[in-house]
Amino acid sequence: MTDRADVPPDVLSRLSRVCLALPEAYQEPAWVGVRWRIRKKTFAHVATIDPERQRAYARAAGTAESICSLTFRSTGDELHALSNAGHPFFKPDWSPEVIGMIIDDGVDWDEVAELLTDSYCVRAPKKLAALVHGPV
């Protein structure tokens, strides 16, 4: 059963504000937490990860404690940089372009907004991505 109450309301509100401002983006319940999609493609997912229940996430994040985790898409040099940046970023092994980020007290919300916008552009049709970043 999906549990959206696991995501701190202030985190969910901030992420929703950024994601839902993007053309045709929508929010829906995920298997755990909440995800944002463009058409039928997920570009962001937030959940509080319980290491006993979401072992792959916990292993990727290198944690044995519950954490609030945001996953999103990235490519190219940014993907490489984030994959090797260390905390708060981590690189799950289930998709080549997915990056994870631990959302904690030190989160840079301006950086999160930029990363989510870029993730949207990775997944969105070129016409919609151009509305955000200009012609590709």
N, C-alpha and C. Protein backbone atom coordinates (compact mmCIF):
# COMPACT_ATOMS: atom_id res chain seq x y z
N MET A 1 0.83 -1.19 0.00
CA MET A 1 0.00 0.00 0.00
C MET A 1 0.87 1.25 0.00
N THR A 2 0.50 2.24 -0.75
CA THR A 2 1.26 3.47 -0.84
C THR A 2 1.02 4.33 0.39
N ASP A 3 2.09 4.92 0.90
CA ASP A 3 1.98 5.80 2.05
C ASP A 3 2.63 7.14 1.71
N ARG A 4 1.79 8.15 1.46
CA ARG A 4 2.31 9.47 1.14
C ARG A 4 2.58 10.28 2.40
N ALA A 5 2.03 9.83 3.52
CA ALA A 5 2.22 10.55 4.77
C ALA A 5 3.66 10.43 5.25
N ASP A 6 4.43 9.53 4.63
CA ASP A 6 5.81 9.35 5.06
C ASP A 6 6.71 10.51 4.66
N VAL A 7 6.30 11.32 3.68
CA VAL A 7 7.11 12.44 3.22
C VAL A 7 6.75 13.68 4.05
N PRO A 8 7.74 14.34 4.65
CA PRO A 8 7.43 15.54 5.43
C PRO A 8 6.63 16.54 4.59
N PRO A 9 5.53 17.07 5.12
CA PRO A 9 4.66 17.96 4.36
C PRO A 9 5.39 19.17 3.75
N ASP A 10 6.34 19.74 4.46
CA ASP A 10 7.07 20.90 3.92
C ASP A 10 7.92 20.50 2.72
N VAL A 11 8.51 19.31 2.75
CA VAL A 11 9.30 18.80 1.63
C VAL A 11 8.38 18.56 0.43
N LEU A 12 7.27 17.89 0.66
CA LEU A 12 6.33 17.61 -0.42
C LEU A 12 5.81 18.91 -1.04
N SER A 13 5.52 19.88 -0.23
CA SER A 13 5.03 21.17 -0.72
C SER A 13 6.06 21.87 -1.60
N ARG A 14 7.30 21.91 -1.15
CA ARG A 14 8.36 22.57 -1.93
C ARG A 14 8.59 21.87 -3.27
N LEU A 15 8.65 20.54 -3.23
CA LEU A 15 8.88 19.77 -4.46
C LEU A 15 7.70 19.92 -5.41
N SER A 16 6.50 19.87 -4.88
CA SER A 16 5.30 20.01 -5.72
C SER A 16 5.27 21.37 -6.41
N ARG A 17 5.62 22.40 -5.69
CA ARG A 17 5.63 23.75 -6.26
C ARG A 17 6.55 23.83 -7.48
N VAL A 18 7.72 23.23 -7.38
CA VAL A 18 8.68 23.25 -8.49
C VAL A 18 8.18 22.37 -9.65
N CYS A 19 7.82 21.15 -9.33
CA CYS A 19 7.46 20.18 -10.38
C CYS A 19 6.18 20.55 -11.11
N LEU A 20 5.19 21.01 -10.40
CA LEU A 20 3.90 21.31 -11.02
C LEU A 20 3.91 22.61 -11.81
N ALA A 21 4.98 23.39 -11.67
CA ALA A 21 5.13 24.60 -12.48
C ALA A 21 5.65 24.28 -13.89
N LEU A 22 6.08 23.06 -14.12
CA LEU A 22 6.61 22.64 -15.41
C LEU A 22 5.48 22.24 -16.35
N PRO A 23 5.61 22.53 -17.64
CA PRO A 23 4.52 22.26 -18.59
C PRO A 23 4.03 20.81 -18.59
N GLU A 24 2.74 20.65 -18.40
CA GLU A 24 2.05 19.36 -18.43
C GLU A 24 2.48 18.36 -17.36
N ALA A 25 3.26 18.80 -16.39
CA ALA A 25 3.68 17.90 -15.31
C ALA A 25 2.50 17.64 -14.38
N TYR A 26 2.48 16.43 -13.83
CA TYR A 26 1.44 16.10 -12.86
C TYR A 26 2.04 15.24 -11.75
N GLN A 27 1.32 15.20 -10.64
CA GLN A 27 1.74 14.49 -9.44
C GLN A 27 0.80 13.33 -9.21
N GLU A 28 1.37 12.21 -8.74
CA GLU A 28 0.53 11.06 -8.41
C GLU A 28 1.19 10.22 -7.33
N PRO A 29 0.39 9.38 -6.66
CA PRO A 29 0.96 8.45 -5.69
C PRO A 29 1.90 7.47 -6.40
N ALA A 30 2.96 7.12 -5.72
CA ALA A 30 3.89 6.10 -6.22
C ALA A 30 3.74 4.86 -5.34
N TRP A 31 4.50 3.84 -5.61
CA TRP A 31 4.45 2.62 -4.80
C TRP A 31 4.72 2.94 -3.34
N VAL A 32 5.54 3.95 -3.11
CA VAL A 32 5.75 4.55 -1.81
C VAL A 32 6.08 6.01 -2.11
N GLY A 33 5.54 6.91 -1.33
CA GLY A 33 5.80 8.32 -1.58
C GLY A 33 4.99 8.86 -2.74
N VAL A 34 5.57 9.86 -3.39
CA VAL A 34 4.90 10.60 -4.47
C VAL A 34 5.86 10.74 -5.64
N ARG A 35 5.30 10.74 -6.85
CA ARG A 35 6.14 10.95 -8.03
C ARG A 35 5.51 12.02 -8.91
N TRP A 36 6.38 12.63 -9.73
CA TRP A 36 5.94 13.63 -10.70
C TRP A 36 6.30 13.11 -12.07
N ARG A 37 5.36 13.31 -13.00
CA ARG A 37 5.51 12.73 -14.33
C ARG A 37 5.23 13.77 -15.41
N ILE A 38 5.82 13.50 -16.55
CA ILE A 38 5.49 14.20 -17.78
C ILE A 38 5.03 13.13 -18.74
N ARG A 39 3.80 13.27 -19.17
CA ARG A 39 3.13 12.22 -19.94
C ARG A 39 3.15 10.96 -19.07
N LYS A 40 3.77 9.89 -19.47
CA LYS A 40 3.80 8.69 -18.61
C LYS A 40 5.20 8.40 -18.09
N LYS A 41 6.07 9.40 -18.13
CA LYS A 41 7.46 9.22 -17.71
C LYS A 41 7.72 9.95 -16.39
N THR A 42 8.24 9.23 -15.43
CA THR A 42 8.57 9.81 -14.13
C THR A 42 9.85 10.62 -14.24
N PHE A 43 9.82 11.85 -13.73
CA PHE A 43 11.04 12.65 -13.70
C PHE A 43 11.49 12.96 -12.27
N ALA A 44 10.67 12.67 -11.28
CA ALA A 44 11.06 12.85 -9.88
C ALA A 44 10.19 11.97 -8.99
N HIS A 45 10.79 11.51 -7.89
CA HIS A 45 10.09 10.64 -6.94
C HIS A 45 10.65 10.94 -5.56
N VAL A 46 9.78 11.16 -4.59
CA VAL A 46 10.21 11.41 -3.22
C VAL A 46 9.53 10.40 -2.30
N ALA A 47 10.27 9.91 -1.33
CA ALA A 47 9.73 8.98 -0.33
C ALA A 47 10.66 8.97 0.87
N THR A 48 10.10 8.61 2.00
CA THR A 48 10.95 8.33 3.15
C THR A 48 11.27 6.85 3.07
N ILE A 49 12.54 6.57 3.02
CA ILE A 49 13.03 5.22 2.80
C ILE A 49 13.25 4.51 4.13
N ASP A 50 12.60 3.41 4.30
CA ASP A 50 12.77 2.55 5.46
C ASP A 50 13.74 1.44 5.03
N PRO A 51 14.92 1.39 5.64
CA PRO A 51 15.92 0.40 5.20
C PRO A 51 15.46 -1.06 5.31
N GLU A 52 14.47 -1.33 6.14
CA GLU A 52 13.95 -2.69 6.26
C GLU A 52 13.01 -3.04 5.12
N ARG A 53 12.38 -2.02 4.50
CA ARG A 53 11.38 -2.27 3.46
C ARG A 53 11.89 -1.91 2.06
N GLN A 54 12.68 -0.88 1.95
CA GLN A 54 13.22 -0.45 0.65
C GLN A 54 14.74 -0.63 0.66
N ARG A 55 15.14 -1.88 0.70
CA ARG A 55 16.55 -2.21 0.86
C ARG A 55 17.43 -1.67 -0.26
N ALA A 56 16.96 -1.73 -1.50
CA ALA A 56 17.78 -1.25 -2.62
C ALA A 56 18.05 0.24 -2.49
N TYR A 57 17.06 1.00 -2.11
CA TYR A 57 17.25 2.44 -1.90
C TYR A 57 18.24 2.69 -0.76
N ALA A 58 18.03 2.02 0.36
CA ALA A 58 18.89 2.20 1.52
C ALA A 58 20.33 1.82 1.20
N ARG A 59 20.50 0.73 0.48
CA ARG A 59 21.85 0.29 0.09
C ARG A 59 22.50 1.33 -0.81
N ALA A 60 21.75 1.83 -1.80
CA ALA A 60 22.29 2.84 -2.72
C ALA A 60 22.68 4.11 -1.98
N ALA A 61 21.86 4.51 -1.00
CA ALA A 61 22.13 5.73 -0.23
C ALA A 61 23.17 5.51 0.86
N GLY A 62 23.51 4.25 1.11
CA GLY A 62 24.50 3.95 2.13
C GLY A 62 24.01 4.26 3.53
N THR A 63 22.74 3.94 3.82
CA THR A 63 22.19 4.26 5.13
C THR A 63 21.50 3.05 5.74
N ALA A 64 21.53 3.00 7.06
CA ALA A 64 20.79 1.99 7.80
C ALA A 64 19.66 2.66 8.58
N GLU A 65 19.47 3.96 8.35
CA GLU A 65 18.42 4.71 9.03
C GLU A 65 17.41 5.22 8.01
N SER A 66 16.21 5.54 8.46
CA SER A 66 15.20 6.12 7.57
C SER A 66 15.65 7.49 7.10
N ILE A 67 15.46 7.74 5.81
CA ILE A 67 15.83 9.03 5.23
C ILE A 67 14.75 9.45 4.24
N CYS A 68 14.66 10.74 4.00
CA CYS A 68 13.81 11.24 2.93
C CYS A 68 14.69 11.30 1.68
N SER A 69 14.24 10.61 0.64
CA SER A 69 15.05 10.46 -0.57
C SER A 69 14.29 10.99 -1.79
N LEU A 70 14.99 11.76 -2.59
CA LEU A 70 14.47 12.26 -3.86
C LEU A 70 15.28 11.60 -4.97
N THR A 71 14.61 11.01 -5.95
CA THR A 71 15.32 10.51 -7.13
C THR A 71 14.84 11.29 -8.34
N PHE A 72 15.75 11.48 -9.28
CA PHE A 72 15.48 12.25 -10.48
C PHE A 72 16.42 11.79 -11.58
N ARG A 73 16.26 12.33 -12.78
CA ARG A 73 17.07 11.93 -13.94
C ARG A 73 18.14 12.97 -14.23
N SER A 74 19.25 12.48 -14.76
CA SER A 74 20.34 13.35 -15.17
C SER A 74 21.09 12.66 -16.31
N THR A 75 21.85 13.43 -17.07
CA THR A 75 22.64 12.87 -18.16
C THR A 75 23.98 13.61 -18.26
N GLY A 76 24.86 13.05 -19.07
CA GLY A 76 26.11 13.71 -19.43
C GLY A 76 27.02 14.04 -18.26
N ASP A 77 27.66 15.21 -18.36
CA ASP A 77 28.62 15.63 -17.35
C ASP A 77 27.98 15.80 -15.97
N GLU A 78 26.73 16.29 -15.95
CA GLU A 78 26.04 16.47 -14.67
C GLU A 78 25.82 15.12 -13.99
N LEU A 79 25.40 14.11 -14.76
CA LEU A 79 25.21 12.77 -14.22
C LEU A 79 26.52 12.25 -13.62
N HIS A 80 27.59 12.41 -14.34
CA HIS A 80 28.90 11.96 -13.86
C HIS A 80 29.29 12.70 -12.57
N ALA A 81 29.12 14.01 -12.56
CA ALA A 81 29.49 14.81 -11.39
C ALA A 81 28.65 14.42 -10.17
N LEU A 82 27.34 14.30 -10.35
CA LEU A 82 26.47 13.96 -9.23
C LEU A 82 26.73 12.53 -8.74
N SER A 83 27.03 11.63 -9.66
CA SER A 83 27.31 10.23 -9.28
C SER A 83 28.52 10.12 -8.38
N ASN A 84 29.43 11.09 -8.50
CA ASN A 84 30.67 11.05 -7.74
C ASN A 84 30.76 12.12 -6.66
N ALA A 85 29.69 12.87 -6.43
CA ALA A 85 29.72 14.01 -5.52
C ALA A 85 29.70 13.63 -4.04
N GLY A 86 29.16 12.48 -3.70
CA GLY A 86 29.02 12.14 -2.28
C GLY A 86 27.80 12.82 -1.68
N HIS A 87 27.70 12.77 -0.37
CA HIS A 87 26.53 13.29 0.33
C HIS A 87 26.20 14.71 -0.11
N PRO A 88 24.96 14.99 -0.43
CA PRO A 88 23.73 14.23 -0.22
C PRO A 88 23.33 13.34 -1.41
N PHE A 89 24.20 13.24 -2.42
CA PHE A 89 23.85 12.49 -3.63
C PHE A 89 24.31 11.04 -3.54
N PHE A 90 23.58 10.18 -4.25
CA PHE A 90 23.98 8.78 -4.36
C PHE A 90 23.51 8.26 -5.72
N LYS A 91 24.15 7.20 -6.19
CA LYS A 91 23.86 6.65 -7.51
C LYS A 91 23.25 5.26 -7.38
N PRO A 92 21.92 5.17 -7.53
CA PRO A 92 21.30 3.84 -7.54
C PRO A 92 21.76 3.06 -8.78
N ASP A 93 21.73 1.74 -8.68
CA ASP A 93 22.21 0.94 -9.80
C ASP A 93 21.09 0.42 -10.69
N TRP A 94 19.83 0.80 -10.44
CA TRP A 94 18.73 0.23 -11.22
C TRP A 94 18.42 0.98 -12.50
N SER A 95 19.02 2.12 -12.74
CA SER A 95 18.82 2.85 -13.99
C SER A 95 20.04 3.72 -14.25
N PRO A 96 20.53 3.75 -15.47
CA PRO A 96 21.76 4.49 -15.74
C PRO A 96 21.64 6.00 -15.56
N GLU A 97 20.44 6.57 -15.66
CA GLU A 97 20.35 8.02 -15.55
C GLU A 97 19.65 8.51 -14.28
N VAL A 98 19.41 7.61 -13.31
CA VAL A 98 18.77 8.02 -12.06
C VAL A 98 19.83 8.39 -11.03
N ILE A 99 19.58 9.53 -10.36
CA ILE A 99 20.41 10.00 -9.25
C ILE A 99 19.51 10.12 -8.03
N GLY A 100 20.04 9.80 -6.87
CA GLY A 100 19.32 9.98 -5.63
C GLY A 100 19.91 11.12 -4.84
N MET A 101 19.07 11.73 -4.04
CA MET A 101 19.51 12.84 -3.17
C MET A 101 18.80 12.70 -1.84
N ILE A 102 19.57 12.73 -0.77
CA ILE A 102 19.00 12.69 0.57
C ILE A 102 18.53 14.11 0.89
N ILE A 103 17.27 14.22 1.27
CA ILE A 103 16.70 15.51 1.63
C ILE A 103 16.78 15.63 3.15
N ASP A 104 17.70 16.48 3.60
CA ASP A 104 17.88 16.67 5.03
C ASP A 104 17.92 18.17 5.33
N ASP A 105 18.30 18.54 6.53
CA ASP A 105 18.28 19.94 6.94
C ASP A 105 19.20 20.83 6.10
N GLY A 106 20.23 20.26 5.49
CA GLY A 106 21.19 21.05 4.73
C GLY A 106 20.85 21.22 3.26
N VAL A 107 19.65 20.82 2.84
CA VAL A 107 19.30 20.82 1.42
C VAL A 107 19.32 22.25 0.85
N ASP A 108 19.87 22.37 -0.35
CA ASP A 108 19.88 23.63 -1.09
C ASP A 108 18.68 23.60 -2.03
N TRP A 109 17.61 24.28 -1.67
CA TRP A 109 16.37 24.21 -2.44
C TRP A 109 16.49 24.82 -3.82
N ASP A 110 17.38 25.79 -4.00
CA ASP A 110 17.61 26.34 -5.34
C ASP A 110 18.25 25.28 -6.24
N GLU A 111 19.19 24.53 -5.69
CA GLU A 111 19.82 23.45 -6.45
C GLU A 111 18.79 22.36 -6.78
N VAL A 112 17.94 22.02 -5.82
CA VAL A 112 16.91 21.02 -6.06
C VAL A 112 16.01 21.46 -7.21
N ALA A 113 15.60 22.73 -7.21
CA ALA A 113 14.73 23.24 -8.28
C ALA A 113 15.42 23.11 -9.64
N GLU A 114 16.69 23.42 -9.70
CA GLU A 114 17.44 23.31 -10.96
C GLU A 114 17.56 21.85 -11.40
N LEU A 115 17.86 20.96 -10.47
CA LEU A 115 17.99 19.54 -10.79
C LEU A 115 16.66 18.94 -11.26
N LEU A 116 15.56 19.35 -10.63
CA LEU A 116 14.25 18.84 -11.04
C LEU A 116 13.85 19.35 -12.42
N THR A 117 14.18 20.60 -12.69
CA THR A 117 13.91 21.17 -14.01
C THR A 117 14.71 20.44 -15.08
N ASP A 118 15.98 20.19 -14.79
CA ASP A 118 16.81 19.44 -15.73
C ASP A 118 16.27 18.01 -15.93
N SER A 119 15.83 17.38 -14.84
CA SER A 119 15.29 16.03 -14.92
C SER A 119 14.04 16.01 -15.80
N TYR A 120 13.19 17.01 -15.61
CA TYR A 120 12.00 17.14 -16.45
C TYR A 120 12.40 17.20 -17.92
N CYS A 121 13.41 17.99 -18.22
CA CYS A 121 13.85 18.16 -19.62
C CYS A 121 14.44 16.88 -20.20
N VAL A 122 15.02 16.03 -19.36
CA VAL A 122 15.53 14.73 -19.81
C VAL A 122 14.37 13.85 -20.27
N ARG A 123 13.24 13.93 -19.58
CA ARG A 123 12.12 13.03 -19.84
C ARG A 123 11.04 13.62 -20.75
N ALA A 124 10.95 14.93 -20.83
CA ALA A 124 9.88 15.58 -21.58
C ALA A 124 10.14 15.53 -23.08
N PRO A 125 9.06 15.58 -23.88
CA PRO A 125 9.23 15.75 -25.32
C PRO A 125 9.99 17.06 -25.59
N LYS A 126 10.74 17.09 -26.67
CA LYS A 126 11.58 18.25 -26.98
C LYS A 126 10.81 19.57 -27.00
N LYS A 127 9.59 19.54 -27.52
CA LYS A 127 8.78 20.77 -27.56
C LYS A 127 8.50 21.32 -26.18
N LEU A 128 8.21 20.44 -25.23
CA LEU A 128 7.95 20.89 -23.87
C LEU A 128 9.24 21.31 -23.17
N ALA A 129 10.32 20.57 -23.38
CA ALA A 129 11.60 20.94 -22.80
C ALA A 129 12.05 22.31 -23.29
N ALA A 130 11.76 22.62 -24.55
CA ALA A 130 12.13 23.91 -25.12
C ALA A 130 11.38 25.06 -24.44
N LEU A 131 10.20 24.80 -23.92
CA LEU A 131 9.45 25.83 -23.21
C LEU A 131 10.13 26.21 -21.89
N VAL A 132 10.95 25.30 -21.38
CA VAL A 132 11.63 25.52 -20.11
C VAL A 132 13.03 26.08 -20.31
N HIS A 133 13.80 25.48 -21.21
CA HIS A 133 15.21 25.85 -21.41
C HIS A 133 15.49 26.47 -22.76
N GLY A 134 14.50 26.69 -23.57
CA GLY A 134 14.74 27.20 -24.93
C GLY A 134 15.01 26.02 -25.86
N PRO A 135 15.15 26.27 -27.13
CA PRO A 135 15.36 25.19 -28.11
C PRO A 135 16.55 24.32 -27.78
N VAL A 136 16.36 23.03 -27.96
CA VAL A 136 17.43 22.05 -27.66
C VAL A 136 18.29 21.83 -28.89
